[in-house]
């Protein structure tokens, strides 16, 4: 009974070799891309508030809004959708590669 419980343990910090490790790597890459765009741009805007770059982001307009408003309201949701598509494409590729490896081992 204890072997049944051990077989289904999942740990994101120490994934098993093969498909699980590949999936964890793509999850971490997607989270990193999301975090850099979401928080990195906001930190950049806050850090450059009094300098030329900060005032430039406020002066530049896109659809009659300051650029940093547009980035937060429009670009970040679009970026999330793009990351979801990238994630699904890579997970499908990973699953297909490991399925082919598994199918070859039974020949």
C-alpha atoms as a PDB file:
ATOM      1  CA  UNK A   1       0.000   0.000   0.000  1.00  0.00           C
ATOM      2  CA  UNK A   2       2.856   2.432   0.695  1.00  0.00           C
ATOM      3  CA  UNK A   3       4.261   1.856  -2.810  1.00  0.00           C
ATOM      4  CA  UNK A   4       0.916   3.001  -4.237  1.00  0.00           C
ATOM      5  CA  UNK A   5       1.180   6.328  -2.363  1.00  0.00           C
ATOM      6  CA  UNK A   6       4.828   6.870  -3.334  1.00  0.00           C
ATOM      7  CA  UNK A   7       4.086   6.393  -7.011  1.00  0.00           C
ATOM      8  CA  UNK A   8       1.789   9.423  -7.248  1.00  0.00           C
ATOM      9  CA  UNK A   9       3.779  12.034  -5.332  1.00  0.00           C
ATOM     10  CA  UNK A  10       4.492  15.208  -7.275  1.00  0.00           C
ATOM     11  CA  UNK A  11       7.062  17.770  -6.151  1.00  0.00           C
ATOM     12  CA  UNK A  12       7.614  20.870  -8.294  1.00  0.00           C
ATOM     13  CA  UNK A  13      11.027  21.480  -6.736  1.00  0.00           C
ATOM     14  CA  UNK A  14      12.296  17.953  -7.430  1.00  0.00           C
ATOM     15  CA  UNK A  15      10.373  16.623 -10.444  1.00  0.00           C
ATOM     16  CA  UNK A  16      10.922  13.117 -11.722  1.00  0.00           C
ATOM     17  CA  UNK A  17      12.945  12.674 -14.894  1.00  0.00           C
ATOM     18  CA  UNK A  18      11.267  12.756 -18.257  1.00  0.00           C
ATOM     19  CA  UNK A  19       7.970  14.403 -19.003  1.00  0.00           C
ATOM     20  CA  UNK A  20       7.408  15.849 -15.530  1.00  0.00           C
ATOM     21  CA  UNK A  21      10.765  17.654 -15.537  1.00  0.00           C
ATOM     22  CA  UNK A  22      10.087  19.106 -18.983  1.00  0.00           C
ATOM     23  CA  UNK A  23       6.635  20.309 -17.925  1.00  0.00           C
ATOM     24  CA  UNK A  24       7.991  21.938 -14.767  1.00  0.00           C
ATOM     25  CA  UNK A  25      10.648  23.761 -16.822  1.00  0.00           C
ATOM     26  CA  UNK A  26       8.048  25.191 -19.201  1.00  0.00           C
ATOM     27  CA  UNK A  27       5.838  26.213 -16.256  1.00  0.00           C
ATOM     28  CA  UNK A  28       8.743  28.058 -14.648  1.00  0.00           C
ATOM     29  CA  UNK A  29       9.682  29.742 -17.943  1.00  0.00           C
ATOM     30  CA  UNK A  30       6.111  30.931 -18.494  1.00  0.00           C
ATOM     31  CA  UNK A  31       5.860  32.236 -14.931  1.00  0.00           C
ATOM     32  CA  UNK A  32       9.165  34.068 -15.353  1.00  0.00           C
ATOM     33  CA  UNK A  33       7.960  35.691 -18.589  1.00  0.00           C
ATOM     34  CA  UNK A  34       4.710  36.719 -16.931  1.00  0.00           C
ATOM     35  CA  UNK A  35       6.474  38.093 -13.837  1.00  0.00           C
ATOM     36  CA  UNK A  36       9.007  40.124 -15.786  1.00  0.00           C
ATOM     37  CA  UNK A  37       6.364  41.807 -17.922  1.00  0.00           C
ATOM     38  CA  UNK A  38       3.858  42.340 -15.134  1.00  0.00           C
ATOM     39  CA  UNK A  39       6.111  43.515 -12.337  1.00  0.00           C
ATOM     40  CA  UNK A  40       9.223  44.611 -14.225  1.00  0.00           C
ATOM     41  CA  UNK A  41       7.479  47.305 -16.225  1.00  0.00           C
ATOM     42  CA  UNK A  42       5.625  48.588 -13.164  1.00  0.00           C
ATOM     43  CA  UNK A  43       8.875  48.788 -11.176  1.00  0.00           C
ATOM     44  CA  UNK A  44      10.496  50.573 -14.115  1.00  0.00           C
ATOM     45  CA  UNK A  45       7.686  53.130 -14.252  1.00  0.00           C
ATOM     46  CA  UNK A  46       7.820  53.695 -10.488  1.00  0.00           C
ATOM     47  CA  UNK A  47      11.625  53.970 -10.441  1.00  0.00           C
ATOM     48  CA  UNK A  48      11.733  56.439 -13.317  1.00  0.00           C
ATOM     49  CA  UNK A  49       8.833  58.626 -12.169  1.00  0.00           C
ATOM     50  CA  UNK A  50      10.851  61.834 -11.786  1.00  0.00           C
ATOM     51  CA  UNK A  51      13.366  61.226 -14.558  1.00  0.00           C
ATOM     52  CA  UNK A  52      13.098  61.718 -18.287  1.00  0.00           C
ATOM     53  CA  UNK A  53      12.004  58.141 -18.981  1.00  0.00           C
ATOM     54  CA  UNK A  54       9.114  58.341 -16.512  1.00  0.00           C
ATOM     55  CA  UNK A  55       7.842  61.609 -17.868  1.00  0.00           C
ATOM     56  CA  UNK A  56       8.276  60.237 -21.398  1.00  0.00           C
ATOM     57  CA  UNK A  57       6.011  57.276 -20.556  1.00  0.00           C
ATOM     58  CA  UNK A  58       3.422  59.722 -19.244  1.00  0.00           C
ATOM     59  CA  UNK A  59       3.697  62.079 -22.227  1.00  0.00           C
ATOM     60  CA  UNK A  60       3.506  59.380 -24.912  1.00  0.00           C
ATOM     61  CA  UNK A  61      -0.074  58.425 -25.653  1.00  0.00           C
ATOM     62  CA  UNK A  62      -1.607  55.405 -27.305  1.00  0.00           C
ATOM     63  CA  UNK A  63      -5.333  55.597 -28.133  1.00  0.00           C
ATOM     64  CA  UNK A  64      -5.454  58.853 -26.181  1.00  0.00           C
ATOM     65  CA  UNK A  65      -4.157  57.252 -22.948  1.00  0.00           C
ATOM     66  CA  UNK A  66      -0.688  57.497 -21.397  1.00  0.00           C
ATOM     67  CA  UNK A  67       1.495  54.636 -22.582  1.00  0.00           C
ATOM     68  CA  UNK A  68       1.876  53.033 -19.163  1.00  0.00           C
ATOM     69  CA  UNK A  69      -1.942  52.924 -18.725  1.00  0.00           C
ATOM     70  CA  UNK A  70      -2.331  51.184 -22.068  1.00  0.00           C
ATOM     71  CA  UNK A  71       0.444  48.748 -21.234  1.00  0.00           C
ATOM     72  CA  UNK A  72      -1.204  47.752 -17.963  1.00  0.00           C
ATOM     73  CA  UNK A  73      -4.787  47.643 -19.214  1.00  0.00           C
ATOM     74  CA  UNK A  74      -4.390  46.204 -22.711  1.00  0.00           C
ATOM     75  CA  UNK A  75      -0.985  44.671 -23.277  1.00  0.00           C
ATOM     76  CA  UNK A  76      -0.752  42.566 -20.113  1.00  0.00           C
ATOM     77  CA  UNK A  77      -4.016  40.645 -20.752  1.00  0.00           C
ATOM     78  CA  UNK A  78      -2.892  40.083 -24.349  1.00  0.00           C
ATOM     79  CA  UNK A  79       0.499  38.911 -23.059  1.00  0.00           C
ATOM     80  CA  UNK A  80      -1.284  36.453 -20.740  1.00  0.00           C
ATOM     81  CA  UNK A  81      -3.183  34.988 -23.704  1.00  0.00           C
ATOM     82  CA  UNK A  82       0.038  34.697 -25.722  1.00  0.00           C
ATOM     83  CA  UNK A  83       1.734  32.916 -22.803  1.00  0.00           C
ATOM     84  CA  UNK A  84      -1.207  30.502 -22.524  1.00  0.00           C
ATOM     85  CA  UNK A  85      -0.913  29.646 -26.223  1.00  0.00           C
ATOM     86  CA  UNK A  86       2.857  29.161 -25.926  1.00  0.00           C
ATOM     87  CA  UNK A  87       2.372  26.962 -22.859  1.00  0.00           C
ATOM     88  CA  UNK A  88      -0.183  24.759 -24.627  1.00  0.00           C
ATOM     89  CA  UNK A  89       1.967  24.396 -27.734  1.00  0.00           C
ATOM     90  CA  UNK A  90       5.006  23.346 -25.704  1.00  0.00           C
ATOM     91  CA  UNK A  91       3.048  20.948 -23.494  1.00  0.00           C
ATOM     92  CA  UNK A  92       1.572  19.315 -26.613  1.00  0.00           C
ATOM     93  CA  UNK A  93       5.068  18.996 -28.071  1.00  0.00           C
ATOM     94  CA  UNK A  94       6.453  17.540 -24.834  1.00  0.00           C
ATOM     95  CA  UNK A  95       3.581  15.056 -24.576  1.00  0.00           C
ATOM     96  CA  UNK A  96       4.031  13.997 -28.196  1.00  0.00           C
ATOM     97  CA  UNK A  97       7.783  13.504 -27.789  1.00  0.00           C
ATOM     98  CA  UNK A  98       7.399  11.407 -24.666  1.00  0.00           C
ATOM     99  CA  UNK A  99       4.537   9.404 -26.170  1.00  0.00           C
ATOM    100  CA  UNK A 100       6.730   8.509 -29.161  1.00  0.00           C
ATOM    101  CA  UNK A 101       9.560   7.484 -26.830  1.00  0.00           C
ATOM    102  CA  UNK A 102       7.183   5.355 -24.773  1.00  0.00           C
ATOM    103  CA  UNK A 103       5.639   3.735 -27.863  1.00  0.00           C
ATOM    104  CA  UNK A 104       9.094   2.835 -29.262  1.00  0.00           C
ATOM    105  CA  UNK A 105      10.070   1.109 -26.037  1.00  0.00           C
ATOM    106  CA  UNK A 106       7.247  -1.435 -26.446  1.00  0.00           C
ATOM    107  CA  UNK A 107       8.270  -2.522 -29.959  1.00  0.00           C
END
